[in-house]
N, C-alpha and C. Protein backbone atom coordinates (compact mmCIF):
# COMPACT_ATOMS: atom_id res chain seq x y z
N UNK A 1 147.74 130.73 70.11
CA UNK A 1 148.08 130.72 68.72
C UNK A 1 148.37 129.27 68.29
N UNK A 2 148.06 128.95 67.06
CA UNK A 2 148.36 127.62 66.50
C UNK A 2 149.76 127.67 65.88
N UNK A 3 150.60 126.76 66.32
CA UNK A 3 152.00 126.74 65.85
C UNK A 3 152.38 125.33 65.50
N UNK A 4 153.02 125.19 64.35
CA UNK A 4 153.56 123.87 63.93
C UNK A 4 155.07 123.92 64.22
N UNK A 5 155.58 122.77 64.67
CA UNK A 5 157.01 122.68 65.00
C UNK A 5 157.59 121.37 64.47
N UNK A 6 158.82 121.45 64.02
CA UNK A 6 159.47 120.23 63.54
C UNK A 6 161.00 120.35 63.72
N UNK A 7 161.63 119.18 63.84
CA UNK A 7 163.07 119.19 63.99
C UNK A 7 163.63 117.86 63.45
N UNK A 8 164.90 117.88 63.13
CA UNK A 8 165.56 116.63 62.84
C UNK A 8 166.15 116.13 64.14
N UNK A 9 166.92 115.05 64.02
CA UNK A 9 167.53 114.42 65.21
C UNK A 9 168.46 115.38 65.95
N UNK A 10 169.13 116.27 65.25
CA UNK A 10 170.00 117.24 65.87
C UNK A 10 169.24 118.32 66.67
N UNK A 11 168.02 118.54 66.35
CA UNK A 11 167.20 119.54 67.02
C UNK A 11 166.14 118.95 67.94
N UNK A 12 166.14 117.62 68.08
CA UNK A 12 165.12 116.94 68.86
C UNK A 12 164.96 117.46 70.31
N UNK A 13 166.09 117.56 71.01
CA UNK A 13 166.03 117.97 72.41
C UNK A 13 165.51 119.41 72.54
N UNK A 14 165.96 120.29 71.69
CA UNK A 14 165.47 121.70 71.73
C UNK A 14 163.99 121.70 71.37
N UNK A 15 163.58 120.94 70.40
CA UNK A 15 162.13 120.90 70.02
C UNK A 15 161.32 120.46 71.21
N UNK A 16 161.72 119.43 71.89
CA UNK A 16 160.97 118.92 73.04
C UNK A 16 160.80 120.00 74.09
N UNK A 17 161.86 120.75 74.35
CA UNK A 17 161.83 121.81 75.32
C UNK A 17 160.86 122.91 74.92
N UNK A 18 160.89 123.27 73.63
CA UNK A 18 160.02 124.34 73.13
C UNK A 18 158.54 123.91 73.05
N UNK A 19 158.29 122.66 72.75
CA UNK A 19 156.90 122.18 72.74
C UNK A 19 156.32 122.32 74.15
N UNK A 20 157.04 121.90 75.16
CA UNK A 20 156.53 122.05 76.55
C UNK A 20 156.33 123.51 76.92
N UNK A 21 157.27 124.37 76.52
CA UNK A 21 157.19 125.80 76.77
C UNK A 21 155.95 126.41 76.12
N UNK A 22 155.74 126.10 74.87
CA UNK A 22 154.60 126.65 74.11
C UNK A 22 153.30 126.19 74.69
N UNK A 23 153.19 124.92 75.00
CA UNK A 23 151.92 124.39 75.56
C UNK A 23 151.64 125.02 76.94
N UNK A 24 152.67 125.23 77.73
CA UNK A 24 152.50 125.87 79.01
C UNK A 24 152.00 127.30 78.88
N UNK A 25 152.33 127.93 77.77
CA UNK A 25 151.89 129.30 77.48
C UNK A 25 150.50 129.35 76.84
N UNK A 26 149.91 128.16 76.61
CA UNK A 26 148.56 128.08 76.08
C UNK A 26 148.45 127.99 74.57
N UNK A 27 149.57 127.79 73.89
CA UNK A 27 149.52 127.67 72.43
C UNK A 27 149.11 126.23 72.01
N UNK A 28 148.44 126.13 70.88
CA UNK A 28 148.12 124.84 70.32
C UNK A 28 149.28 124.45 69.39
N UNK A 29 149.93 123.33 69.69
CA UNK A 29 151.16 122.96 69.00
C UNK A 29 150.96 121.66 68.21
N UNK A 30 151.31 121.72 66.95
CA UNK A 30 151.31 120.51 66.07
C UNK A 30 152.76 120.10 65.93
N UNK A 31 153.12 118.97 66.52
CA UNK A 31 154.48 118.46 66.51
C UNK A 31 154.67 117.50 65.29
N UNK A 32 155.48 117.93 64.36
CA UNK A 32 155.72 117.13 63.15
C UNK A 32 156.89 116.15 63.29
N UNK A 33 157.48 116.08 64.49
CA UNK A 33 158.60 115.19 64.73
C UNK A 33 159.90 115.90 64.48
N UNK A 34 160.91 115.20 64.53
CA UNK A 34 161.11 113.84 64.81
C UNK A 34 160.87 113.56 66.31
N UNK A 35 160.72 112.31 66.63
CA UNK A 35 160.33 111.94 67.98
C UNK A 35 161.43 111.20 68.73
N UNK A 36 162.66 111.28 68.23
CA UNK A 36 163.79 110.66 68.90
C UNK A 36 165.09 111.28 68.35
N UNK A 37 166.20 110.85 68.88
CA UNK A 37 167.48 111.31 68.37
C UNK A 37 168.04 110.39 67.29
N UNK A 38 167.24 109.45 66.84
CA UNK A 38 167.64 108.58 65.77
C UNK A 38 167.76 109.41 64.47
N UNK A 39 168.80 109.15 63.71
CA UNK A 39 169.05 109.91 62.49
C UNK A 39 167.84 109.92 61.58
N UNK A 40 167.52 111.07 61.03
CA UNK A 40 166.42 111.21 60.08
C UNK A 40 166.78 112.30 59.06
N UNK A 41 165.96 112.46 58.08
CA UNK A 41 166.20 113.45 57.00
C UNK A 41 165.37 114.70 57.27
N UNK A 42 166.08 115.83 57.50
CA UNK A 42 165.39 117.08 57.85
C UNK A 42 164.48 117.60 56.68
N UNK A 43 164.79 117.37 55.40
CA UNK A 43 163.94 117.95 54.37
C UNK A 43 162.48 117.48 54.44
N UNK A 44 162.29 116.23 54.81
CA UNK A 44 160.90 115.71 54.88
C UNK A 44 160.13 116.44 55.97
N UNK A 45 160.68 116.58 57.15
CA UNK A 45 160.01 117.24 58.26
C UNK A 45 159.81 118.74 57.99
N UNK A 46 160.86 119.37 57.53
CA UNK A 46 160.80 120.81 57.25
C UNK A 46 159.76 121.16 56.19
N UNK A 47 159.71 120.32 55.13
CA UNK A 47 158.78 120.57 54.03
C UNK A 47 157.33 120.41 54.49
N UNK A 48 157.07 119.34 55.26
CA UNK A 48 155.69 119.11 55.73
C UNK A 48 155.22 120.24 56.66
N UNK A 49 156.07 120.71 57.51
CA UNK A 49 155.72 121.81 58.41
C UNK A 49 155.50 123.11 57.62
N UNK A 50 156.44 123.37 56.69
CA UNK A 50 156.33 124.61 55.89
C UNK A 50 155.09 124.65 55.02
N UNK A 51 154.68 123.48 54.51
CA UNK A 51 153.44 123.43 53.73
C UNK A 51 152.23 123.85 54.57
N UNK A 52 152.20 123.45 55.82
CA UNK A 52 151.12 123.82 56.72
C UNK A 52 151.06 125.31 56.97
N UNK A 53 152.21 125.93 57.08
CA UNK A 53 152.25 127.39 57.29
C UNK A 53 151.84 128.07 56.00
N UNK A 54 152.35 127.63 54.86
CA UNK A 54 151.99 128.25 53.58
C UNK A 54 150.50 128.12 53.28
N UNK A 55 149.88 127.03 53.72
CA UNK A 55 148.43 126.85 53.51
C UNK A 55 147.59 127.60 54.53
N UNK A 56 148.29 128.26 55.46
CA UNK A 56 147.63 129.04 56.54
C UNK A 56 146.88 128.14 57.51
N UNK A 57 147.17 126.87 57.54
CA UNK A 57 146.61 125.98 58.55
C UNK A 57 147.20 126.31 59.95
N UNK A 58 148.43 126.81 59.91
CA UNK A 58 149.12 127.29 61.13
C UNK A 58 149.73 128.63 60.77
N UNK A 59 149.43 129.68 61.53
CA UNK A 59 149.96 131.01 61.17
C UNK A 59 151.48 131.13 61.38
N UNK A 60 152.02 130.30 62.27
CA UNK A 60 153.46 130.36 62.50
C UNK A 60 154.03 128.98 62.69
N UNK A 61 155.32 128.84 62.34
CA UNK A 61 156.03 127.56 62.47
C UNK A 61 157.39 127.74 63.06
N UNK A 62 157.93 126.67 63.56
CA UNK A 62 159.27 126.62 64.13
C UNK A 62 159.96 125.40 63.60
N UNK A 63 161.17 125.60 63.08
CA UNK A 63 161.95 124.45 62.59
C UNK A 63 163.32 124.50 63.22
N UNK A 64 163.89 123.28 63.48
CA UNK A 64 165.16 123.19 64.18
C UNK A 64 166.01 122.09 63.57
N UNK A 65 167.26 122.39 63.32
CA UNK A 65 168.28 121.39 63.02
C UNK A 65 169.56 121.88 63.66
N UNK A 66 170.63 121.16 63.45
CA UNK A 66 171.89 121.51 64.13
C UNK A 66 172.34 122.92 63.84
N UNK A 67 172.37 123.29 62.57
CA UNK A 67 172.84 124.63 62.17
C UNK A 67 171.73 125.58 61.81
N UNK A 68 170.54 125.07 61.58
CA UNK A 68 169.42 125.88 61.11
C UNK A 68 169.44 126.14 59.61
N UNK A 69 170.54 125.87 59.00
CA UNK A 69 170.67 126.20 57.58
C UNK A 69 169.83 125.26 56.72
N UNK A 70 169.91 123.97 56.96
CA UNK A 70 169.13 123.02 56.16
C UNK A 70 167.65 123.28 56.24
N UNK A 71 167.15 123.48 57.46
CA UNK A 71 165.72 123.74 57.63
C UNK A 71 165.34 125.07 56.95
N UNK A 72 166.19 126.05 57.02
CA UNK A 72 165.92 127.34 56.35
C UNK A 72 165.78 127.16 54.86
N UNK A 73 166.72 126.40 54.30
CA UNK A 73 166.71 126.17 52.85
C UNK A 73 165.44 125.47 52.41
N UNK A 74 165.07 124.43 53.15
CA UNK A 74 163.87 123.68 52.78
C UNK A 74 162.65 124.54 52.91
N UNK A 75 162.46 125.21 54.06
CA UNK A 75 161.27 125.99 54.29
C UNK A 75 161.10 127.11 53.26
N UNK A 76 162.19 127.77 52.93
CA UNK A 76 162.07 128.88 52.01
C UNK A 76 161.88 128.49 50.55
N UNK A 77 161.87 127.20 50.27
CA UNK A 77 161.51 126.70 48.96
C UNK A 77 160.00 126.65 48.77
N UNK A 78 159.26 126.71 49.88
CA UNK A 78 157.81 126.60 49.84
C UNK A 78 157.23 127.99 49.64
N UNK A 79 156.47 128.13 48.57
CA UNK A 79 155.85 129.40 48.19
C UNK A 79 154.97 129.89 49.36
N UNK A 80 155.21 131.14 49.78
CA UNK A 80 154.44 131.75 50.85
C UNK A 80 155.12 131.64 52.21
N UNK A 81 156.25 130.99 52.28
CA UNK A 81 156.99 130.89 53.52
C UNK A 81 158.14 131.91 53.54
N UNK A 82 158.27 132.54 54.68
CA UNK A 82 159.40 133.45 54.93
C UNK A 82 160.06 132.98 56.23
N UNK A 83 160.97 132.03 56.11
CA UNK A 83 161.62 131.45 57.28
C UNK A 83 162.86 132.28 57.63
N UNK A 84 163.05 132.51 58.91
CA UNK A 84 164.16 133.32 59.41
C UNK A 84 164.99 132.54 60.44
N UNK A 85 166.25 132.36 60.18
CA UNK A 85 167.17 131.74 61.11
C UNK A 85 167.62 132.80 62.09
N UNK A 86 167.26 132.68 63.35
CA UNK A 86 167.54 133.71 64.32
C UNK A 86 168.25 133.17 65.58
N UNK A 87 169.20 133.97 66.05
CA UNK A 87 169.93 133.56 67.27
C UNK A 87 169.90 134.63 68.34
N UNK A 88 169.07 135.69 68.12
CA UNK A 88 168.89 136.75 69.12
C UNK A 88 167.46 137.25 69.09
N UNK A 89 166.95 137.67 70.21
CA UNK A 89 165.56 138.17 70.24
C UNK A 89 165.33 139.37 69.35
N UNK A 90 166.29 140.31 69.26
CA UNK A 90 166.08 141.50 68.43
C UNK A 90 166.00 141.13 66.94
N UNK A 91 166.76 140.16 66.54
CA UNK A 91 166.70 139.73 65.12
C UNK A 91 165.39 139.03 64.86
N UNK A 92 164.95 138.17 65.79
CA UNK A 92 163.67 137.48 65.61
C UNK A 92 162.51 138.51 65.53
N UNK A 93 162.54 139.47 66.40
CA UNK A 93 161.49 140.54 66.40
C UNK A 93 161.52 141.29 65.08
N UNK A 94 162.68 141.65 64.62
CA UNK A 94 162.82 142.37 63.37
C UNK A 94 162.35 141.52 62.16
N UNK A 95 162.63 140.23 62.23
CA UNK A 95 162.24 139.34 61.15
C UNK A 95 160.70 139.35 60.96
N UNK A 96 159.98 139.49 62.06
CA UNK A 96 158.52 139.57 61.99
C UNK A 96 158.05 140.95 61.61
N UNK A 97 158.62 141.98 62.29
CA UNK A 97 158.20 143.35 62.06
C UNK A 97 158.52 143.81 60.64
N UNK A 98 159.67 143.45 60.12
CA UNK A 98 160.10 143.99 58.79
C UNK A 98 159.77 143.00 57.67
N UNK A 99 159.98 141.70 57.90
CA UNK A 99 159.87 140.74 56.80
C UNK A 99 158.66 139.81 56.92
N UNK A 100 157.84 140.04 57.94
CA UNK A 100 156.65 139.23 58.18
C UNK A 100 157.00 137.74 58.13
N UNK A 101 158.10 137.38 58.82
CA UNK A 101 158.49 135.97 58.87
C UNK A 101 157.36 135.14 59.48
N UNK A 102 157.17 133.95 58.92
CA UNK A 102 156.14 133.09 59.44
C UNK A 102 156.69 131.74 59.96
N UNK A 103 157.97 131.56 59.77
CA UNK A 103 158.66 130.40 60.36
C UNK A 103 159.95 130.89 61.01
N UNK A 104 160.14 130.50 62.23
CA UNK A 104 161.34 130.80 62.98
C UNK A 104 162.21 129.55 62.99
N UNK A 105 163.48 129.73 62.62
CA UNK A 105 164.41 128.57 62.54
C UNK A 105 165.48 128.74 63.60
N UNK A 106 165.78 127.63 64.28
CA UNK A 106 166.81 127.63 65.30
C UNK A 106 167.92 126.69 64.92
N UNK A 107 169.15 127.06 65.30
CA UNK A 107 170.36 126.21 65.22
C UNK A 107 170.55 125.58 66.59
N UNK A 108 170.24 124.30 66.73
CA UNK A 108 170.34 123.66 68.04
C UNK A 108 171.78 123.60 68.58
N UNK A 109 172.75 123.68 67.67
CA UNK A 109 174.16 123.70 68.13
C UNK A 109 174.59 125.04 68.69
N UNK A 110 173.78 126.07 68.47
CA UNK A 110 174.17 127.43 68.88
C UNK A 110 173.29 127.99 69.98
N UNK A 111 171.99 127.70 69.87
CA UNK A 111 171.03 128.30 70.79
C UNK A 111 170.64 127.32 71.94
N UNK A 112 170.78 127.75 73.15
CA UNK A 112 170.37 126.96 74.29
C UNK A 112 168.87 127.02 74.46
N UNK A 113 168.27 126.10 75.17
CA UNK A 113 166.81 126.17 75.38
C UNK A 113 166.37 127.48 76.02
N UNK A 114 167.11 127.97 77.01
CA UNK A 114 166.67 129.22 77.65
C UNK A 114 166.76 130.40 76.71
N UNK A 115 167.79 130.43 75.90
CA UNK A 115 167.92 131.51 74.91
C UNK A 115 166.86 131.40 73.81
N UNK A 116 166.59 130.15 73.41
CA UNK A 116 165.57 129.92 72.37
C UNK A 116 164.20 130.40 72.85
N UNK A 117 163.92 130.21 74.13
CA UNK A 117 162.63 130.64 74.65
C UNK A 117 162.52 132.18 74.62
N UNK A 118 163.57 132.88 74.90
CA UNK A 118 163.58 134.36 74.82
C UNK A 118 163.41 134.83 73.37
N UNK A 119 164.09 134.15 72.47
CA UNK A 119 164.00 134.51 71.06
C UNK A 119 162.57 134.25 70.58
N UNK A 120 162.02 133.10 70.93
CA UNK A 120 160.66 132.71 70.56
C UNK A 120 159.63 133.69 71.11
N UNK A 121 159.76 134.06 72.36
CA UNK A 121 158.82 135.04 72.93
C UNK A 121 158.84 136.36 72.18
N UNK A 122 160.03 136.86 71.86
CA UNK A 122 160.15 138.12 71.12
C UNK A 122 159.47 137.98 69.76
N UNK A 123 159.64 136.88 69.10
CA UNK A 123 159.08 136.65 67.77
C UNK A 123 157.55 136.52 67.86
N UNK A 124 157.04 135.81 68.83
CA UNK A 124 155.62 135.61 68.96
C UNK A 124 154.88 136.92 69.31
N UNK A 125 155.54 137.77 70.04
CA UNK A 125 154.92 139.06 70.44
C UNK A 125 154.99 140.09 69.31
N UNK A 126 155.87 139.92 68.41
CA UNK A 126 156.08 140.91 67.34
C UNK A 126 154.93 140.85 66.29
N UNK A 127 154.66 142.00 65.71
CA UNK A 127 153.67 142.11 64.67
C UNK A 127 154.33 142.77 63.44
N UNK A 128 153.89 142.40 62.27
CA UNK A 128 154.39 143.02 61.04
C UNK A 128 154.02 144.50 61.06
N UNK A 129 154.98 145.35 60.77
CA UNK A 129 154.77 146.80 60.87
C UNK A 129 154.07 147.40 59.65
N UNK A 130 154.04 146.70 58.53
CA UNK A 130 153.40 147.27 57.34
C UNK A 130 154.25 148.43 56.79
N UNK A 131 153.56 149.42 56.19
CA UNK A 131 154.27 150.58 55.59
C UNK A 131 155.31 150.15 54.58
N UNK A 132 156.47 150.73 54.65
CA UNK A 132 157.54 150.43 53.70
C UNK A 132 157.92 148.96 53.75
N UNK A 133 157.71 148.33 54.89
CA UNK A 133 158.04 146.90 55.03
C UNK A 133 157.04 146.05 54.25
N UNK A 134 155.79 146.46 54.21
CA UNK A 134 154.78 145.73 53.42
C UNK A 134 155.13 145.75 51.94
N UNK A 135 155.64 146.93 51.52
CA UNK A 135 156.04 147.02 50.09
C UNK A 135 157.12 145.98 49.80
N UNK A 136 158.06 145.83 50.71
CA UNK A 136 159.17 144.89 50.52
C UNK A 136 158.70 143.44 50.56
N UNK A 137 157.83 143.15 51.47
CA UNK A 137 157.26 141.80 51.53
C UNK A 137 156.49 141.50 50.24
N UNK A 138 155.78 142.50 49.76
CA UNK A 138 155.04 142.34 48.48
C UNK A 138 156.03 142.04 47.34
N UNK A 139 157.22 142.64 47.36
CA UNK A 139 158.22 142.38 46.34
C UNK A 139 158.72 140.91 46.44
N UNK A 140 158.85 140.42 47.68
CA UNK A 140 159.26 139.00 47.87
C UNK A 140 158.18 138.09 47.29
N UNK A 141 156.90 138.42 47.57
CA UNK A 141 155.80 137.62 47.05
C UNK A 141 155.78 137.61 45.55
N UNK A 142 156.12 138.77 44.95
CA UNK A 142 156.14 138.85 43.49
C UNK A 142 157.22 137.96 42.91
N UNK A 143 158.36 137.91 43.55
CA UNK A 143 159.45 137.03 43.10
C UNK A 143 158.99 135.60 43.16
N UNK A 144 158.20 135.24 44.17
CA UNK A 144 157.65 133.86 44.32
C UNK A 144 156.56 133.57 43.30
N UNK A 145 156.02 134.59 42.68
CA UNK A 145 154.98 134.36 41.72
C UNK A 145 153.58 134.54 42.27
N UNK A 146 153.45 135.21 43.42
CA UNK A 146 152.14 135.48 43.99
C UNK A 146 151.54 136.65 43.29
């Protein structure tokens, strides 16, 4: 799968761990940065990654900052993005099955690399269930103006 990933300085170490993990699993990864722990502005990175998901250049994305809140706010401003801040595999799976999330957001201050990998695997394996859930996703798209 093609996946875009981005993080600010607070999520840099977790991002690096997940990039290696994803590549080892055979995924094509587009790393939007940041590329060090030097302070940077998360909105720039989050927005660029979210635009690629919204344009369907990458079917799924991952964003990381210290709390996950900033990246969630930025990503969900982009029309067509449904970013989900998840700290457990069951929540990540549900975010895809029920809400057709296309960006997974991590809080680097809360989620360890080993836990993040379990959450990420659950999310990547999940499929949108459709049915009543499709109706609800359609309502979200209508709110966005789709």
